[in-house]
Amino acid sequence: MLLGFVFLLIWIWLVWEYRRRKASLFSKDESAAAAVWLKLFRRSLWLGGIAAAVFAASVLIHNAASALMGIEEAVFFIAALIALVAFVITTGVSLVLYVRGRLR
């Protein structure tokens, strides 16, 4: 849980940095290459956001279904785990792309 919260904070910071300096993030590359890297960075941030939303929705649906039916419901639990893993991976990719853009 703590790891997920840390990755959420990292993702929020990366989105903030993207919105603040997207023009200068990959400016040291050629313009065509910079556009490709920026597009890849933006897509990884979007996928991370979608994964976080799916995780939150799956957890809420799982808890509501478990409370209403009185049995443990596994489909949304598994979906939440997969979404959490996807969120961690996409946030890691976004972080690597950000560092790559800042160092070059």
PDB file of N, CA and C in Angstrom:
ATOM      1  N   MET A   1       0.822  -1.186   0.000  1.00  0.00           N
ATOM      2  CA  MET A   1       0.000   0.000   0.000  1.00  0.00           C
ATOM      3  C   MET A   1       0.867   1.251   0.000  1.00  0.00           C
ATOM      4  N   LEU A   2       1.903   1.250   0.814  1.00  0.00           N
ATOM      5  CA  LEU A   2       2.804   2.389   0.870  1.00  0.00           C
ATOM      6  C   LEU A   2       3.525   2.585  -0.461  1.00  0.00           C
ATOM      7  N   LEU A   3       3.918   1.482  -1.084  1.00  0.00           N
ATOM      8  CA  LEU A   3       4.592   1.559  -2.381  1.00  0.00           C
ATOM      9  C   LEU A   3       3.662   2.174  -3.430  1.00  0.00           C
ATOM     10  N   GLY A   4       2.398   1.783  -3.413  1.00  0.00           N
ATOM     11  CA  GLY A   4       1.434   2.361  -4.339  1.00  0.00           C
ATOM     12  C   GLY A   4       1.252   3.844  -4.108  1.00  0.00           C
ATOM     13  N   PHE A   5       1.235   4.271  -2.850  1.00  0.00           N
ATOM     14  CA  PHE A   5       1.104   5.688  -2.522  1.00  0.00           C
ATOM     15  C   PHE A   5       2.327   6.471  -2.984  1.00  0.00           C
ATOM     16  N   VAL A   6       3.516   5.900  -2.817  1.00  0.00           N
ATOM     17  CA  VAL A   6       4.737   6.556  -3.266  1.00  0.00           C
ATOM     18  C   VAL A   6       4.718   6.719  -4.780  1.00  0.00           C
ATOM     19  N   PHE A   7       4.304   5.666  -5.495  1.00  0.00           N
ATOM     20  CA  PHE A   7       4.229   5.751  -6.945  1.00  0.00           C
ATOM     21  C   PHE A   7       3.158   6.743  -7.391  1.00  0.00           C
ATOM     22  N   LEU A   8       2.081   6.878  -6.634  1.00  0.00           N
ATOM     23  CA  LEU A   8       1.067   7.876  -6.953  1.00  0.00           C
ATOM     24  C   LEU A   8       1.637   9.287  -6.813  1.00  0.00           C
ATOM     25  N   LEU A   9       2.406   9.522  -5.769  1.00  0.00           N
ATOM     26  CA  LEU A   9       3.042  10.826  -5.599  1.00  0.00           C
ATOM     27  C   LEU A   9       4.044  11.106  -6.713  1.00  0.00           C
ATOM     28  N   ILE A  10       4.801  10.089  -7.119  1.00  0.00           N
ATOM     29  CA  ILE A  10       5.747  10.248  -8.223  1.00  0.00           C
ATOM     30  C   ILE A  10       5.000  10.562  -9.511  1.00  0.00           C
ATOM     31  N   TRP A  11       3.884   9.865  -9.748  1.00  0.00           N
ATOM     32  CA  TRP A  11       3.103  10.099 -10.959  1.00  0.00           C
ATOM     33  C   TRP A  11       2.535  11.521 -10.978  1.00  0.00           C
ATOM     34  N   ILE A  12       2.029  11.990  -9.845  1.00  0.00           N
ATOM     35  CA  ILE A  12       1.499  13.356  -9.770  1.00  0.00           C
ATOM     36  C   ILE A  12       2.610  14.370 -10.041  1.00  0.00           C
ATOM     37  N   TRP A  13       3.785  14.133  -9.484  1.00  0.00           N
ATOM     38  CA  TRP A  13       4.912  15.033  -9.726  1.00  0.00           C
ATOM     39  C   TRP A  13       5.312  15.035 -11.203  1.00  0.00           C
ATOM     40  N   LEU A  14       5.319  13.857 -11.845  1.00  0.00           N
ATOM     41  CA  LEU A  14       5.672  13.781 -13.258  1.00  0.00           C
ATOM     42  C   LEU A  14       4.651  14.507 -14.133  1.00  0.00           C
ATOM     43  N   VAL A  15       3.380  14.373 -13.805  1.00  0.00           N
ATOM     44  CA  VAL A  15       2.355  15.104 -14.558  1.00  0.00           C
ATOM     45  C   VAL A  15       2.549  16.600 -14.375  1.00  0.00           C
ATOM     46  N   TRP A  16       2.846  17.027 -13.163  1.00  0.00           N
ATOM     47  CA  TRP A  16       3.099  18.439 -12.903  1.00  0.00           C
ATOM     48  C   TRP A  16       4.296  18.937 -13.723  1.00  0.00           C
ATOM     49  N   GLU A  17       5.365  18.171 -13.736  1.00  0.00           N
ATOM     50  CA  GLU A  17       6.552  18.552 -14.500  1.00  0.00           C
ATOM     51  C   GLU A  17       6.266  18.563 -16.003  1.00  0.00           C
ATOM     52  N   TYR A  18       5.483  17.615 -16.471  1.00  0.00           N
ATOM     53  CA  TYR A  18       5.135  17.584 -17.894  1.00  0.00           C
ATOM     54  C   TYR A  18       4.343  18.830 -18.269  1.00  0.00           C
ATOM     55  N   ARG A  19       3.382  19.195 -17.474  1.00  0.00           N
ATOM     56  CA  ARG A  19       2.557  20.362 -17.788  1.00  0.00           C
ATOM     57  C   ARG A  19       3.354  21.663 -17.661  1.00  0.00           C
ATOM     58  N   ARG A  20       4.344  21.664 -16.782  1.00  0.00           N
ATOM     59  CA  ARG A  20       5.115  22.878 -16.547  1.00  0.00           C
ATOM     60  C   ARG A  20       6.186  23.107 -17.603  1.00  0.00           C
ATOM     61  N   ARG A  21       6.890  22.046 -18.023  1.00  0.00           N
ATOM     62  CA  ARG A  21       8.000  22.240 -18.959  1.00  0.00           C
ATOM     63  C   ARG A  21       8.028  21.238 -20.086  1.00  0.00           C
ATOM     64  N   LYS A  22       6.914  20.979 -20.709  1.00  0.00           N
ATOM     65  CA  LYS A  22       6.915  20.009 -21.787  1.00  0.00           C
ATOM     66  C   LYS A  22       7.705  20.486 -23.002  1.00  0.00           C
ATOM     67  N   ALA A  23       7.810  21.787 -23.202  1.00  0.00           N
ATOM     68  CA  ALA A  23       8.553  22.290 -24.359  1.00  0.00           C
ATOM     69  C   ALA A  23      10.055  22.100 -24.181  1.00  0.00           C
ATOM     70  N   SER A  24      10.542  22.135 -22.965  1.00  0.00           N
ATOM     71  CA  SER A  24      11.989  22.041 -22.750  1.00  0.00           C
ATOM     72  C   SER A  24      12.451  20.671 -22.284  1.00  0.00           C
ATOM     73  N   LEU A  25      11.550  19.709 -22.209  1.00  0.00           N
ATOM     74  CA  LEU A  25      11.915  18.418 -21.645  1.00  0.00           C
ATOM     75  C   LEU A  25      12.900  17.658 -22.534  1.00  0.00           C
ATOM     76  N   PHE A  26      12.608  17.571 -23.823  1.00  0.00           N
ATOM     77  CA  PHE A  26      13.477  16.851 -24.750  1.00  0.00           C
ATOM     78  C   PHE A  26      14.070  17.809 -25.778  1.00  0.00           C
ATOM     79  N   SER A  27      14.329  19.052 -25.385  1.00  0.00           N
ATOM     80  CA  SER A  27      14.753  20.082 -26.330  1.00  0.00           C
ATOM     81  C   SER A  27      16.159  19.869 -26.867  1.00  0.00           C
ATOM     82  N   LYS A  28      16.978  19.084 -26.194  1.00  0.00           N
ATOM     83  CA  LYS A  28      18.345  18.879 -26.664  1.00  0.00           C
ATOM     84  C   LYS A  28      18.426  17.856 -27.795  1.00  0.00           C
ATOM     85  N   ASP A  29      17.357  17.083 -28.020  1.00  0.00           N
ATOM     86  CA  ASP A  29      17.318  16.158 -29.146  1.00  0.00           C
ATOM     87  C   ASP A  29      16.905  16.916 -30.398  1.00  0.00           C
ATOM     88  N   GLU A  30      16.998  16.227 -31.530  1.00  0.00           N
ATOM     89  CA  GLU A  30      16.472  16.817 -32.762  1.00  0.00           C
ATOM     90  C   GLU A  30      14.967  16.980 -32.608  1.00  0.00           C
ATOM     91  N   SER A  31      14.393  17.867 -33.385  1.00  0.00           N
ATOM     92  CA  SER A  31      12.977  18.189 -33.193  1.00  0.00           C
ATOM     93  C   SER A  31      12.078  16.986 -33.435  1.00  0.00           C
ATOM     94  N   ALA A  32      12.389  16.164 -34.439  1.00  0.00           N
ATOM     95  CA  ALA A  32      11.561  14.983 -34.708  1.00  0.00           C
ATOM     96  C   ALA A  32      11.704  13.960 -33.587  1.00  0.00           C
ATOM     97  N   ALA A  33      12.920  13.748 -33.124  1.00  0.00           N
ATOM     98  CA  ALA A  33      13.148  12.794 -32.043  1.00  0.00           C
ATOM     99  C   ALA A  33      12.536  13.308 -30.738  1.00  0.00           C
ATOM    100  N   ALA A  34      12.634  14.611 -30.509  1.00  0.00           N
ATOM    101  CA  ALA A  34      12.054  15.189 -29.300  1.00  0.00           C
ATOM    102  C   ALA A  34      10.541  15.024 -29.293  1.00  0.00           C
ATOM    103  N   ALA A  35       9.918  15.171 -30.450  1.00  0.00           N
ATOM    104  CA  ALA A  35       8.468  14.998 -30.542  1.00  0.00           C
ATOM    105  C   ALA A  35       8.071  13.558 -30.243  1.00  0.00           C
ATOM    106  N   VAL A  36       8.865  12.608 -30.712  1.00  0.00           N
ATOM    107  CA  VAL A  36       8.576  11.193 -30.452  1.00  0.00           C
ATOM    108  C   VAL A  36       8.735  10.881 -28.975  1.00  0.00           C
ATOM    109  N   TRP A  37       9.808  11.356 -28.353  1.00  0.00           N
ATOM    110  CA  TRP A  37      10.034  11.097 -26.930  1.00  0.00           C
ATOM    111  C   TRP A  37       8.965  11.752 -26.073  1.00  0.00           C
ATOM    112  N   LEU A  38       8.560  12.977 -26.448  1.00  0.00           N
ATOM    113  CA  LEU A  38       7.518  13.674 -25.701  1.00  0.00           C
ATOM    114  C   LEU A  38       6.177  12.956 -25.831  1.00  0.00           C
ATOM    115  N   LYS A  39       5.893  12.442 -27.026  1.00  0.00           N
ATOM    116  CA  LYS A  39       4.652  11.695 -27.244  1.00  0.00           C
ATOM    117  C   LYS A  39       4.659  10.401 -26.426  1.00  0.00           C
ATOM    118  N   LEU A  40       5.791   9.713 -26.381  1.00  0.00           N
ATOM    119  CA  LEU A  40       5.903   8.490 -25.591  1.00  0.00           C
ATOM    120  C   LEU A  40       5.753   8.792 -24.105  1.00  0.00           C
ATOM    121  N   PHE A  41       6.339   9.887 -23.656  1.00  0.00           N
ATOM    122  CA  PHE A  41       6.227  10.294 -22.254  1.00  0.00           C
ATOM    123  C   PHE A  41       4.771  10.611 -21.909  1.00  0.00           C
ATOM    124  N   ARG A  42       4.102  11.353 -22.777  1.00  0.00           N
ATOM    125  CA  ARG A  42       2.698  11.713 -22.543  1.00  0.00           C
ATOM    126  C   ARG A  42       1.812  10.469 -22.517  1.00  0.00           C
ATOM    127  N   ARG A  43       2.056   9.538 -23.412  1.00  0.00           N
ATOM    128  CA  ARG A  43       1.254   8.306 -23.434  1.00  0.00           C
ATOM    129  C   ARG A  43       1.477   7.468 -22.188  1.00  0.00           C
ATOM    130  N   SER A  44       2.702   7.400 -21.714  1.00  0.00           N
ATOM    131  CA  SER A  44       2.945   6.617 -20.502  1.00  0.00           C
ATOM    132  C   SER A  44       2.279   7.265 -19.295  1.00  0.00           C
ATOM    133  N   LEU A  45       2.233   8.604 -19.260  1.00  0.00           N
ATOM    134  CA  LEU A  45       1.516   9.279 -18.177  1.00  0.00           C
ATOM    135  C   LEU A  45       0.017   9.008 -18.261  1.00  0.00           C
ATOM    136  N   TRP A  46      -0.533   9.036 -19.468  1.00  0.00           N
ATOM    137  CA  TRP A  46      -1.958   8.731 -19.647  1.00  0.00           C
ATOM    138  C   TRP A  46      -2.277   7.306 -19.213  1.00  0.00           C
ATOM    139  N   LEU A  47      -1.445   6.353 -19.622  1.00  0.00           N
ATOM    140  CA  LEU A  47      -1.686   4.964 -19.230  1.00  0.00           C
ATOM    141  C   LEU A  47      -1.606   4.795 -17.719  1.00  0.00           C
ATOM    142  N   GLY A  48      -0.686   5.492 -17.085  1.00  0.00           N
ATOM    143  CA  GLY A  48      -0.599   5.446 -15.629  1.00  0.00           C
ATOM    144  C   GLY A  48      -1.848   6.007 -14.971  1.00  0.00           C
ATOM    145  N   GLY A  49      -2.370   7.088 -15.501  1.00  0.00           N
ATOM    146  CA  GLY A  49      -3.600   7.665 -14.968  1.00  0.00           C
ATOM    147  C   GLY A  49      -4.800   6.756 -15.146  1.00  0.00           C
ATOM    148  N   ILE A  50      -4.888   6.130 -16.311  1.00  0.00           N
ATOM    149  CA  ILE A  50      -5.979   5.184 -16.558  1.00  0.00           C
ATOM    150  C   ILE A  50      -5.866   3.985 -15.625  1.00  0.00           C
ATOM    151  N   ALA A  51      -4.653   3.478 -15.436  1.00  0.00           N
ATOM    152  CA  ALA A  51      -4.449   2.343 -14.534  1.00  0.00           C
ATOM    153  C   ALA A  51      -4.816   2.704 -13.095  1.00  0.00           C
ATOM    154  N   ALA A  52      -4.481   3.923 -12.676  1.00  0.00           N
ATOM    155  CA  ALA A  52      -4.848   4.359 -11.320  1.00  0.00           C
ATOM    156  C   ALA A  52      -6.359   4.456 -11.167  1.00  0.00           C
ATOM    157  N   ALA A  53      -7.045   4.956 -12.192  1.00  0.00           N
ATOM    158  CA  ALA A  53      -8.508   5.055 -12.138  1.00  0.00           C
ATOM    159  C   ALA A  53      -9.155   3.674 -12.125  1.00  0.00           C
ATOM    160  N   VAL A  54      -8.627   2.748 -12.924  1.00  0.00           N
ATOM    161  CA  VAL A  54      -9.162   1.381 -12.933  1.00  0.00           C
ATOM    162  C   VAL A  54      -8.921   0.714 -11.585  1.00  0.00           C
ATOM    163  N   PHE A  55      -7.764   0.963 -10.988  1.00  0.00           N
ATOM    164  CA  PHE A  55      -7.478   0.405  -9.668  1.00  0.00           C
ATOM    165  C   PHE A  55      -8.485   0.904  -8.633  1.00  0.00           C
ATOM    166  N   ALA A  56      -8.710   2.218  -8.610  1.00  0.00           N
ATOM    167  CA  ALA A  56      -9.637   2.780  -7.628  1.00  0.00           C
ATOM    168  C   ALA A  56     -11.054   2.258  -7.849  1.00  0.00           C
ATOM    169  N   ALA A  57     -11.488   2.196  -9.096  1.00  0.00           N
ATOM    170  CA  ALA A  57     -12.836   1.699  -9.386  1.00  0.00           C
ATOM    171  C   ALA A  57     -12.971   0.226  -9.023  1.00  0.00           C
ATOM    172  N   SER A  58     -11.952  -0.565  -9.323  1.00  0.00           N
ATOM    173  CA  SER A  58     -12.003  -1.994  -9.007  1.00  0.00           C
ATOM    174  C   SER A  58     -12.052  -2.244  -7.504  1.00  0.00           C
ATOM    175  N   VAL A  59     -11.291  -1.468  -6.760  1.00  0.00           N
ATOM    176  CA  VAL A  59     -11.310  -1.622  -5.302  1.00  0.00           C
ATOM    177  C   VAL A  59     -12.683  -1.265  -4.748  1.00  0.00           C
ATOM    178  N   LEU A  60     -13.251  -0.165  -5.225  1.00  0.00           N
ATOM    179  CA  LEU A  60     -14.577   0.236  -4.748  1.00  0.00           C
ATOM    180  C   LEU A  60     -15.647  -0.791  -5.113  1.00  0.00           C
ATOM    181  N   ILE A  61     -15.619  -1.278  -6.339  1.00  0.00           N
ATOM    182  CA  ILE A  61     -16.610  -2.271  -6.762  1.00  0.00           C
ATOM    183  C   ILE A  61     -16.423  -3.576  -5.993  1.00  0.00           C
ATOM    184  N   HIS A  62     -15.168  -3.983  -5.794  1.00  0.00           N
ATOM    185  CA  HIS A  62     -14.895  -5.212  -5.041  1.00  0.00           C
ATOM    186  C   HIS A  62     -15.424  -5.099  -3.610  1.00  0.00           C
ATOM    187  N   ASN A  63     -15.152  -3.974  -2.962  1.00  0.00           N
ATOM    188  CA  ASN A  63     -15.609  -3.806  -1.579  1.00  0.00           C
ATOM    189  C   ASN A  63     -17.128  -3.714  -1.498  1.00  0.00           C
ATOM    190  N   ALA A  64     -17.743  -3.022  -2.439  1.00  0.00           N
ATOM    191  CA  ALA A  64     -19.205  -2.908  -2.440  1.00  0.00           C
ATOM    192  C   ALA A  64     -19.859  -4.258  -2.711  1.00  0.00           C
ATOM    193  N   ALA A  65     -19.325  -5.003  -3.656  1.00  0.00           N
ATOM    194  CA  ALA A  65     -19.890  -6.315  -3.963  1.00  0.00           C
ATOM    195  C   ALA A  65     -19.708  -7.279  -2.796  1.00  0.00           C
ATOM    196  N   SER A  66     -18.564  -7.214  -2.154  1.00  0.00           N
ATOM    197  CA  SER A  66     -18.332  -8.081  -1.000  1.00  0.00           C
ATOM    198  C   SER A  66     -19.264  -7.734   0.151  1.00  0.00           C
ATOM    199  N   ALA A  67     -19.527  -6.455   0.356  1.00  0.00           N
ATOM    200  CA  ALA A  67     -20.402  -6.039   1.453  1.00  0.00           C
ATOM    201  C   ALA A  67     -21.862  -6.393   1.159  1.00  0.00           C
ATOM    202  N   LEU A  68     -22.281  -6.238  -0.091  1.00  0.00           N
ATOM    203  CA  LEU A  68     -23.681  -6.492  -0.430  1.00  0.00           C
ATOM    204  C   LEU A  68     -24.010  -7.979  -0.517  1.00  0.00           C
ATOM    205  N   MET A  69     -23.077  -8.757  -1.103  1.00  0.00           N
ATOM    206  CA  MET A  69     -23.360 -10.178  -1.291  1.00  0.00           C
ATOM    207  C   MET A  69     -22.881 -11.035  -0.129  1.00  0.00           C
ATOM    208  N   GLY A  70     -21.968 -10.539   0.644  1.00  0.00           N
ATOM    209  CA  GLY A  70     -21.469 -11.291   1.783  1.00  0.00           C
ATOM    210  C   GLY A  70     -20.456 -12.363   1.423  1.00  0.00           C
ATOM    211  N   ILE A  71     -20.048 -12.432   0.159  1.00  0.00           N
ATOM    212  CA  ILE A  71     -19.028 -13.392  -0.263  1.00  0.00           C
ATOM    213  C   ILE A  71     -17.857 -12.616  -0.856  1.00  0.00           C
ATOM    214  N   GLU A  72     -16.723 -13.264  -0.878  1.00  0.00           N
ATOM    215  CA  GLU A  72     -15.535 -12.633  -1.430  1.00  0.00           C
ATOM    216  C   GLU A  72     -15.579 -12.724  -2.952  1.00  0.00           C
ATOM    217  N   GLU A  73     -15.543 -11.600  -3.620  1.00  0.00           N
ATOM    218  CA  GLU A  73     -15.660 -11.529  -5.068  1.00  0.00           C
ATOM    219  C   GLU A  73     -14.256 -11.349  -5.640  1.00  0.00           C
ATOM    220  N   ALA A  74     -13.848 -12.218  -6.555  1.00  0.00           N
ATOM    221  CA  ALA A  74     -12.454 -12.255  -6.981  1.00  0.00           C
ATOM    222  C   ALA A  74     -12.161 -11.503  -8.270  1.00  0.00           C
ATOM    223  N   VAL A  75     -13.136 -11.275  -9.123  1.00  0.00           N
ATOM    224  CA  VAL A  75     -12.865 -10.684 -10.433  1.00  0.00           C
ATOM    225  C   VAL A  75     -12.310  -9.271 -10.286  1.00  0.00           C
ATOM    226  N   PHE A  76     -12.961  -8.446  -9.503  1.00  0.00           N
ATOM    227  CA  PHE A  76     -12.502  -7.069  -9.349  1.00  0.00           C
ATOM    228  C   PHE A  76     -11.255  -6.988  -8.481  1.00  0.00           C
ATOM    229  N   PHE A  77     -11.052  -7.958  -7.602  1.00  0.00           N
ATOM    230  CA  PHE A  77      -9.822  -8.003  -6.819  1.00  0.00           C
ATOM    231  C   PHE A  77      -8.632  -8.247  -7.737  1.00  0.00           C
ATOM    232  N   ILE A  78      -8.782  -9.193  -8.656  1.00  0.00           N
ATOM    233  CA  ILE A  78      -7.711  -9.487  -9.618  1.00  0.00           C
ATOM    234  C   ILE A  78      -7.503  -8.304 -10.558  1.00  0.00           C
ATOM    235  N   ALA A  79      -8.598  -7.666 -10.985  1.00  0.00           N
ATOM    236  CA  ALA A  79      -8.475  -6.478 -11.842  1.00  0.00           C
ATOM    237  C   ALA A  79      -7.739  -5.361 -11.119  1.00  0.00           C
ATOM    238  N   ALA A  80      -7.986  -5.200  -9.828  1.00  0.00           N
ATOM    239  CA  ALA A  80      -7.285  -4.176  -9.053  1.00  0.00           C
ATOM    240  C   ALA A  80      -5.795  -4.487  -8.946  1.00  0.00           C
ATOM    241  N   LEU A  81      -5.453  -5.743  -8.748  1.00  0.00           N
ATOM    242  CA  LEU A  81      -4.036  -6.111  -8.676  1.00  0.00           C
ATOM    243  C   LEU A  81      -3.328  -5.872 -10.004  1.00  0.00           C
ATOM    244  N   ILE A  82      -3.977  -6.253 -11.106  1.00  0.00           N
ATOM    245  CA  ILE A  82      -3.388  -6.041 -12.432  1.00  0.00           C
ATOM    246  C   ILE A  82      -3.240  -4.549 -12.710  1.00  0.00           C
ATOM    247  N   ALA A  83      -4.250  -3.758 -12.345  1.00  0.00           N
ATOM    248  CA  ALA A  83      -4.174  -2.313 -12.553  1.00  0.00           C
ATOM    249  C   ALA A  83      -3.070  -1.687 -11.706  1.00  0.00           C
ATOM    250  N   LEU A  84      -2.877  -2.180 -10.494  1.00  0.00           N
ATOM    251  CA  LEU A  84      -1.810  -1.654  -9.643  1.00  0.00           C
ATOM    252  C   LEU A  84      -0.438  -1.956 -10.244  1.00  0.00           C
ATOM    253  N   VAL A  85      -0.257  -3.159 -10.738  1.00  0.00           N
ATOM    254  CA  VAL A  85       1.014  -3.519 -11.378  1.00  0.00           C
ATOM    255  C   VAL A  85       1.234  -2.664 -12.624  1.00  0.00           C
ATOM    256  N   ALA A  86       0.180  -2.469 -13.419  1.00  0.00           N
ATOM    257  CA  ALA A  86       0.291  -1.632 -14.619  1.00  0.00           C
ATOM    258  C   ALA A  86       0.636  -0.195 -14.246  1.00  0.00           C
ATOM    259  N   PHE A  87       0.045   0.305 -13.162  1.00  0.00           N
ATOM    260  CA  PHE A  87       0.340   1.666 -12.717  1.00  0.00           C
ATOM    261  C   PHE A  87       1.802   1.803 -12.298  1.00  0.00           C
ATOM    262  N   VAL A  88       2.300   0.844 -11.556  1.00  0.00           N
ATOM    263  CA  VAL A  88       3.696   0.899 -11.109  1.00  0.00           C
ATOM    264  C   VAL A  88       4.640   0.834 -12.305  1.00  0.00           C
ATOM    265  N   ILE A  89       4.351  -0.024 -13.275  1.00  0.00           N
ATOM    266  CA  ILE A  89       5.208  -0.149 -14.453  1.00  0.00           C
ATOM    267  C   ILE A  89       5.191   1.131 -15.279  1.00  0.00           C
ATOM    268  N   THR A  90       3.998   1.672 -15.549  1.00  0.00           N
ATOM    269  CA  THR A  90       3.933   2.878 -16.373  1.00  0.00           C
ATOM    270  C   THR A  90       4.536   4.089 -15.665  1.00  0.00           C
ATOM    271  N   THR A  91       4.413   4.148 -14.355  1.00  0.00           N
ATOM    272  CA  THR A  91       5.051   5.240 -13.617  1.00  0.00           C
ATOM    273  C   THR A  91       6.568   5.097 -13.671  1.00  0.00           C
ATOM    274  N   GLY A  92       7.062   3.882 -13.579  1.00  0.00           N
ATOM    275  CA  GLY A  92       8.500   3.649 -13.716  1.00  0.00           C
ATOM    276  C   GLY A  92       9.012   4.024 -15.091  1.00  0.00           C
ATOM    277  N   VAL A  93       8.262   3.677 -16.129  1.00  0.00           N
ATOM    278  CA  VAL A  93       8.644   4.048 -17.490  1.00  0.00           C
ATOM    279  C   VAL A  93       8.631   5.563 -17.645  1.00  0.00           C
ATOM    280  N   SER A  94       7.619   6.215 -17.102  1.00  0.00           N
ATOM    281  CA  SER A  94       7.545   7.668 -17.175  1.00  0.00           C
ATOM    282  C   SER A  94       8.720   8.323 -16.456  1.00  0.00           C
ATOM    283  N   LEU A  95       9.095   7.772 -15.320  1.00  0.00           N
ATOM    284  CA  LEU A  95      10.224   8.308 -14.573  1.00  0.00           C
ATOM    285  C   LEU A  95      11.521   8.147 -15.354  1.00  0.00           C
ATOM    286  N   VAL A  96      11.713   7.003 -15.984  1.00  0.00           N
ATOM    287  CA  VAL A  96      12.909   6.778 -16.795  1.00  0.00           C
ATOM    288  C   VAL A  96      12.936   7.746 -17.974  1.00  0.00           C
ATOM    289  N   LEU A  97      11.798   7.943 -18.629  1.00  0.00           N
ATOM    290  CA  LEU A  97      11.748   8.885 -19.746  1.00  0.00           C
ATOM    291  C   LEU A  97      12.010  10.313 -19.287  1.00  0.00           C
ATOM    292  N   TYR A  98      11.502  10.672 -18.128  1.00  0.00           N
ATOM    293  CA  TYR A  98      11.752  12.011 -17.593  1.00  0.00           C
ATOM    294  C   TYR A  98      13.236  12.216 -17.311  1.00  0.00           C
ATOM    295  N   VAL A  99      13.854  11.245 -16.663  1.00  0.00           N
ATOM    296  CA  VAL A  99      15.284  11.365 -16.354  1.00  0.00           C
ATOM    297  C   VAL A  99      16.083  11.414 -17.629  1.00  0.00           C
ATOM    298  N   ARG A 100      15.712  10.618 -18.626  1.00  0.00           N
ATOM    299  CA  ARG A 100      16.402  10.628 -19.909  1.00  0.00           C
ATOM    300  C   ARG A 100      16.293  12.007 -20.571  1.00  0.00           C
ATOM    301  N   GLY A 101      15.114  12.605 -20.495  1.00  0.00           N
ATOM    302  CA  GLY A 101      14.918  13.924 -21.084  1.00  0.00           C
ATOM    303  C   GLY A 101      15.682  15.015 -20.359  1.00  0.00           C
ATOM    304  N   ARG A 102      15.828  14.884 -19.057  1.00  0.00           N
ATOM    305  CA  ARG A 102      16.543  15.906 -18.285  1.00  0.00           C
ATOM    306  C   ARG A 102      18.045  15.763 -18.406  1.00  0.00           C
ATOM    307  N   LEU A 103      18.550  14.543 -18.597  1.00  0.00           N
ATOM    308  CA  LEU A 103      19.997  14.340 -18.640  1.00  0.00           C
ATOM    309  C   LEU A 103      20.598  14.607 -20.012  1.00  0.00           C
ATOM    310  N   ARG A 104      19.833  14.431 -21.058  1.00  0.00           N
ATOM    311  CA  ARG A 104      20.406  14.616 -22.396  1.00  0.00           C
ATOM    312  C   ARG A 104      20.421  16.035 -22.814  1.00  0.00           C
TER     313      ARG A 104
END
